[in-house]
Amino acid sequence: MARRIVAGLVAAATLAGTFALASPAQAAEGPTILGAVTAADRYTSTENANGLDRFRWDQRNWYDFDILTAAVVTDGTLVGAVTDPATAVTLFAPNDRAFQLLAYDLTGRWFWTEQGVLDAIVGAVKAGKVNLTNVLTYHVVAGKFLKADIVPLIGKPIPTLNGNSFVVKPPNWLGLIEIKDNVDAFRNPYLVRTDIDAGKSVIHVISRVLIPANVGG
């Protein structure tokens, strides 16, 4: 993850209510979601100003969270949730490949760079196809839920900060857990990694972007 994105997040617009970004005098210290996703990136040498891998031939890690982090910066709504160690949430985090697949679903084109993927998604936002706030908040559940806490909720609606819910399906014959979102036109994601510690919060990595019923606003 681009280290320069950290500064962009801290400088982004603060939030109201539960996820307000604390002032420097009030800010608590400890692990955060931002710190956990930043630690996932092993390659930073050719990133551009947005913290995205710059060249097609340098896309060495499509399985971290560069695009997710850039989208959070662009939108601003979840800045407090990912930077405040006092916040307790569960983030279902789409990796860069998940956003690449979303860009293809939205445009019918395959984008070979992370910047190209982000530009395509921002273009869909400007065209009114996607409400970025609604999509991002659909990936956040209030409270810390480890995988062991999620398993008993299989088959039950799980409410998100978006206001819509998703359903965790029973493991398939391969043991993979699918998450059923609100829109059948898009393929559902699977849990590909779970229980990434973020202090009072936790991250579960998913293979596709969850699509809420209010994806367009």
Protein backbone atom coordinates (compact mmCIF):
# COMPACT_ATOMS: atom_id res chain seq x y z
CA MET A 1 0.00 0.00 0.00
CA ALA A 2 1.32 3.39 -0.85
CA ARG A 3 2.73 5.05 2.22
CA ARG A 4 1.89 8.45 0.77
CA ILE A 5 -1.82 7.55 0.91
CA VAL A 6 -1.62 7.69 4.69
CA ALA A 7 -1.14 11.45 4.53
CA GLY A 8 -4.05 11.74 2.10
CA LEU A 9 -6.37 9.88 4.43
CA VAL A 10 -5.45 11.90 7.48
CA ALA A 11 -5.93 15.12 5.53
CA ALA A 12 -9.28 14.05 4.03
CA ALA A 13 -12.60 15.47 5.17
CA THR A 14 -13.57 14.38 8.70
CA LEU A 15 -16.76 12.51 9.45
CA ALA A 16 -19.73 13.22 11.67
CA GLY A 17 -21.11 10.90 14.35
CA THR A 18 -19.62 7.56 15.30
CA PHE A 19 -16.85 7.65 12.72
CA ALA A 20 -15.66 11.23 13.24
CA LEU A 21 -11.91 11.56 12.88
CA ALA A 22 -10.45 12.57 16.21
CA SER A 23 -8.46 15.77 16.50
CA PRO A 24 -4.70 15.32 17.03
CA ALA A 25 -5.13 16.11 20.73
CA GLN A 26 -7.89 13.51 21.10
CA ALA A 27 -6.60 10.83 18.76
CA ALA A 28 -6.01 7.45 20.36
CA GLU A 29 -3.02 5.30 19.54
CA GLY A 30 -3.14 1.70 18.40
CA PRO A 31 -3.76 -0.57 15.41
CA THR A 32 -6.11 0.67 12.68
CA ILE A 33 -7.66 -0.69 9.50
CA LEU A 34 -5.42 1.67 7.53
CA GLY A 35 -2.35 0.25 9.21
CA ALA A 36 -3.43 -3.32 8.46
CA VAL A 37 -4.06 -2.71 4.76
CA THR A 38 -0.87 -0.66 4.44
CA ALA A 39 1.13 -3.58 5.81
CA ALA A 40 -0.26 -5.84 3.06
CA ASP A 41 1.65 -4.07 0.25
CA ARG A 42 5.10 -5.38 -0.59
CA TYR A 43 5.77 -3.29 -3.68
CA THR A 44 5.93 0.49 -3.60
CA SER A 45 8.79 1.56 -5.84
CA THR A 46 6.86 2.62 -8.95
CA GLU A 47 3.60 3.88 -7.48
CA ASN A 48 2.09 7.08 -8.84
CA ALA A 49 0.82 10.04 -6.83
CA ASN A 50 -2.37 8.12 -5.98
CA GLY A 51 -0.44 5.20 -4.53
CA LEU A 52 -1.35 2.91 -7.44
CA ASP A 53 1.05 0.73 -9.38
CA ARG A 54 2.06 2.82 -12.37
CA PHE A 55 2.76 0.54 -15.31
CA ARG A 56 1.01 -2.43 -16.90
CA TRP A 57 4.17 -4.53 -16.57
CA ASP A 58 4.57 -3.56 -12.93
CA GLN A 59 1.23 -4.83 -11.63
CA ARG A 60 2.94 -7.23 -9.25
CA ASN A 61 0.32 -7.36 -6.52
CA TRP A 62 -3.36 -7.39 -7.46
CA TYR A 63 -4.22 -8.91 -4.10
CA ASP A 64 -3.64 -5.99 -1.77
CA PHE A 65 -5.83 -2.93 -1.25
CA ASP A 66 -4.40 0.00 -3.23
CA ILE A 67 -7.64 0.65 -5.12
CA LEU A 68 -9.83 0.27 -2.02
CA THR A 69 -7.67 2.79 -0.16
CA ALA A 70 -7.71 5.22 -3.08
CA ALA A 71 -11.51 4.86 -3.31
CA VAL A 72 -11.87 5.62 0.41
CA VAL A 73 -9.73 8.75 -0.05
CA THR A 74 -11.76 9.78 -3.09
CA ASP A 75 -15.09 9.33 -1.31
CA GLY A 76 -14.11 10.47 2.19
CA THR A 77 -16.97 8.83 4.08
CA LEU A 78 -14.99 6.07 5.78
CA VAL A 79 -11.84 8.04 6.55
CA GLY A 80 -12.59 8.07 10.27
CA ALA A 81 -13.40 4.37 10.39
CA VAL A 82 -10.07 3.34 8.86
CA THR A 83 -7.84 5.78 10.76
CA ASP A 84 -9.34 5.80 14.26
CA PRO A 85 -8.04 2.96 16.48
CA ALA A 86 -11.03 3.44 18.82
CA THR A 87 -13.47 2.43 16.08
CA ALA A 88 -14.81 -1.13 16.18
CA VAL A 89 -15.96 -2.31 12.76
CA THR A 90 -15.69 -5.31 10.49
CA LEU A 91 -14.46 -4.49 7.00
CA PHE A 92 -15.13 -6.88 4.13
CA ALA A 93 -12.27 -5.66 1.97
CA PRO A 94 -12.25 -6.20 -1.81
CA ASN A 95 -8.70 -6.59 -3.08
CA ASP A 96 -7.41 -4.88 -6.22
CA ARG A 97 -8.45 -7.83 -8.40
CA ALA A 98 -12.01 -7.50 -7.11
CA PHE A 99 -12.11 -3.88 -8.28
CA GLN A 100 -10.58 -4.89 -11.62
CA LEU A 101 -13.49 -7.33 -12.08
CA LEU A 102 -15.97 -4.61 -11.09
CA ALA A 103 -14.51 -2.24 -13.67
CA TYR A 104 -14.96 -4.93 -16.31
CA ASP A 105 -18.56 -5.58 -15.23
CA LEU A 106 -19.34 -1.87 -15.43
CA THR A 107 -17.65 -1.13 -18.76
CA GLY A 108 -17.13 -4.41 -20.62
CA ARG A 109 -13.41 -3.52 -20.85
CA TRP A 110 -10.42 -5.09 -19.13
CA PHE A 111 -8.10 -2.58 -17.47
CA TRP A 112 -4.49 -3.64 -16.97
CA THR A 113 -3.39 -1.03 -14.43
CA GLU A 114 -4.70 -0.08 -11.03
CA GLN A 115 -4.99 3.56 -12.10
CA GLY A 116 -7.02 2.48 -15.13
CA VAL A 117 -9.36 0.52 -12.87
CA LEU A 118 -9.83 3.46 -10.51
CA ASP A 119 -10.44 5.83 -13.43
CA ALA A 120 -13.09 3.48 -14.84
CA ILE A 121 -14.89 3.29 -11.52
CA VAL A 122 -14.73 7.07 -11.02
CA GLY A 123 -16.12 7.40 -14.55
CA ALA A 124 -19.03 5.14 -13.60
CA VAL A 125 -19.62 7.32 -10.54
CA LYS A 126 -19.71 10.46 -12.68
CA ALA A 127 -22.09 8.75 -15.12
CA GLY A 128 -24.48 7.95 -12.28
CA LYS A 129 -24.00 4.18 -12.54
CA VAL A 130 -22.35 3.86 -9.14
CA ASN A 131 -22.74 5.72 -5.85
CA LEU A 132 -19.31 5.21 -4.31
CA THR A 133 -20.44 6.02 -0.78
CA ASN A 134 -23.21 3.43 -0.96
CA VAL A 135 -20.84 0.77 -2.28
CA LEU A 136 -18.08 1.40 0.26
CA THR A 137 -20.37 1.55 3.30
CA TYR A 138 -21.95 -1.73 2.16
CA HIS A 139 -18.65 -3.39 3.06
CA VAL A 140 -18.63 -2.25 6.70
CA VAL A 141 -20.47 -3.85 9.63
CA ALA A 142 -20.58 -2.14 13.01
CA GLY A 143 -18.71 -4.14 15.65
CA LYS A 144 -15.84 -6.62 15.44
CA PHE A 145 -16.91 -9.98 13.99
CA LEU A 146 -14.26 -12.65 13.60
CA LYS A 147 -14.89 -15.58 11.26
CA ALA A 148 -16.00 -17.63 14.25
CA ASP A 149 -18.63 -14.97 15.00
CA ILE A 150 -19.86 -14.92 11.39
CA VAL A 151 -20.39 -18.67 11.02
CA PRO A 152 -23.42 -18.73 13.38
CA LEU A 153 -24.96 -15.95 11.25
CA ILE A 154 -24.93 -18.03 8.04
CA GLY A 155 -28.24 -17.61 6.23
CA LYS A 156 -29.24 -14.54 8.23
CA PRO A 157 -29.21 -10.92 6.95
CA ILE A 158 -26.19 -9.01 8.22
CA PRO A 159 -26.85 -5.24 8.33
CA THR A 160 -24.18 -2.85 7.09
CA LEU A 161 -23.50 0.87 7.49
CA ASN A 162 -25.12 1.29 4.08
CA GLY A 163 -28.52 0.39 5.54
CA ASN A 164 -28.79 -2.70 3.35
CA SER A 165 -27.88 -6.22 4.42
CA PHE A 166 -26.05 -9.15 2.84
CA VAL A 167 -26.25 -12.88 3.59
CA VAL A 168 -23.36 -15.25 4.25
CA LYS A 169 -24.02 -18.60 2.59
CA PRO A 170 -22.94 -22.02 3.88
CA PRO A 171 -19.52 -23.24 2.71
CA ASN A 172 -19.55 -24.98 -0.66
CA TRP A 173 -17.97 -28.35 -1.41
CA LEU A 174 -14.57 -26.67 -1.52
CA GLY A 175 -15.13 -25.07 1.87
CA LEU A 176 -15.43 -21.58 0.35
CA ILE A 177 -17.88 -19.16 1.95
CA GLU A 178 -19.91 -17.03 -0.47
CA ILE A 179 -21.53 -13.71 0.39
CA LYS A 180 -24.88 -13.00 -1.29
CA ASP A 181 -25.30 -9.30 -2.01
CA ASN A 182 -28.36 -7.38 -3.24
CA VAL A 183 -27.81 -7.50 -7.01
CA ASP A 184 -28.03 -10.77 -8.94
CA ALA A 185 -26.54 -9.24 -12.10
CA PHE A 186 -23.08 -9.30 -10.50
CA ARG A 187 -21.28 -12.39 -9.26
CA ASN A 188 -21.04 -12.79 -5.52
CA PRO A 189 -17.69 -12.63 -3.69
CA TYR A 190 -16.08 -15.33 -1.61
CA LEU A 191 -14.14 -14.93 1.60
CA VAL A 192 -10.53 -15.49 0.60
CA ARG A 193 -8.79 -14.48 3.84
CA THR A 194 -10.21 -13.83 7.27
CA ASP A 195 -9.39 -12.38 10.67
CA ILE A 196 -6.76 -9.79 9.72
CA ASP A 197 -6.22 -8.02 13.01
CA ALA A 198 -6.82 -4.27 13.10
CA GLY A 199 -7.01 -3.70 16.85
CA LYS A 200 -10.63 -3.12 17.80
CA SER A 201 -11.58 -3.80 14.18
CA VAL A 202 -11.04 -6.76 11.87
CA ILE A 203 -10.69 -7.26 8.11
CA HIS A 204 -11.95 -10.10 5.94
CA VAL A 205 -10.73 -10.13 2.33
CA ILE A 206 -13.27 -10.82 -0.41
CA SER A 207 -12.82 -11.74 -4.06
CA ARG A 208 -15.35 -9.32 -5.57
CA VAL A 209 -16.97 -6.02 -4.69
CA LEU A 210 -20.29 -6.32 -2.87
CA ILE A 211 -23.10 -4.54 -4.73
CA PRO A 212 -25.93 -2.98 -2.68
CA ALA A 213 -29.50 -2.45 -3.84
CA ASN A 214 -28.82 1.30 -3.88
CA VAL A 215 -25.66 0.97 -5.98
CA GLY A 216 -26.75 3.85 -8.20
CA GLY A 217 -27.80 6.16 -5.40
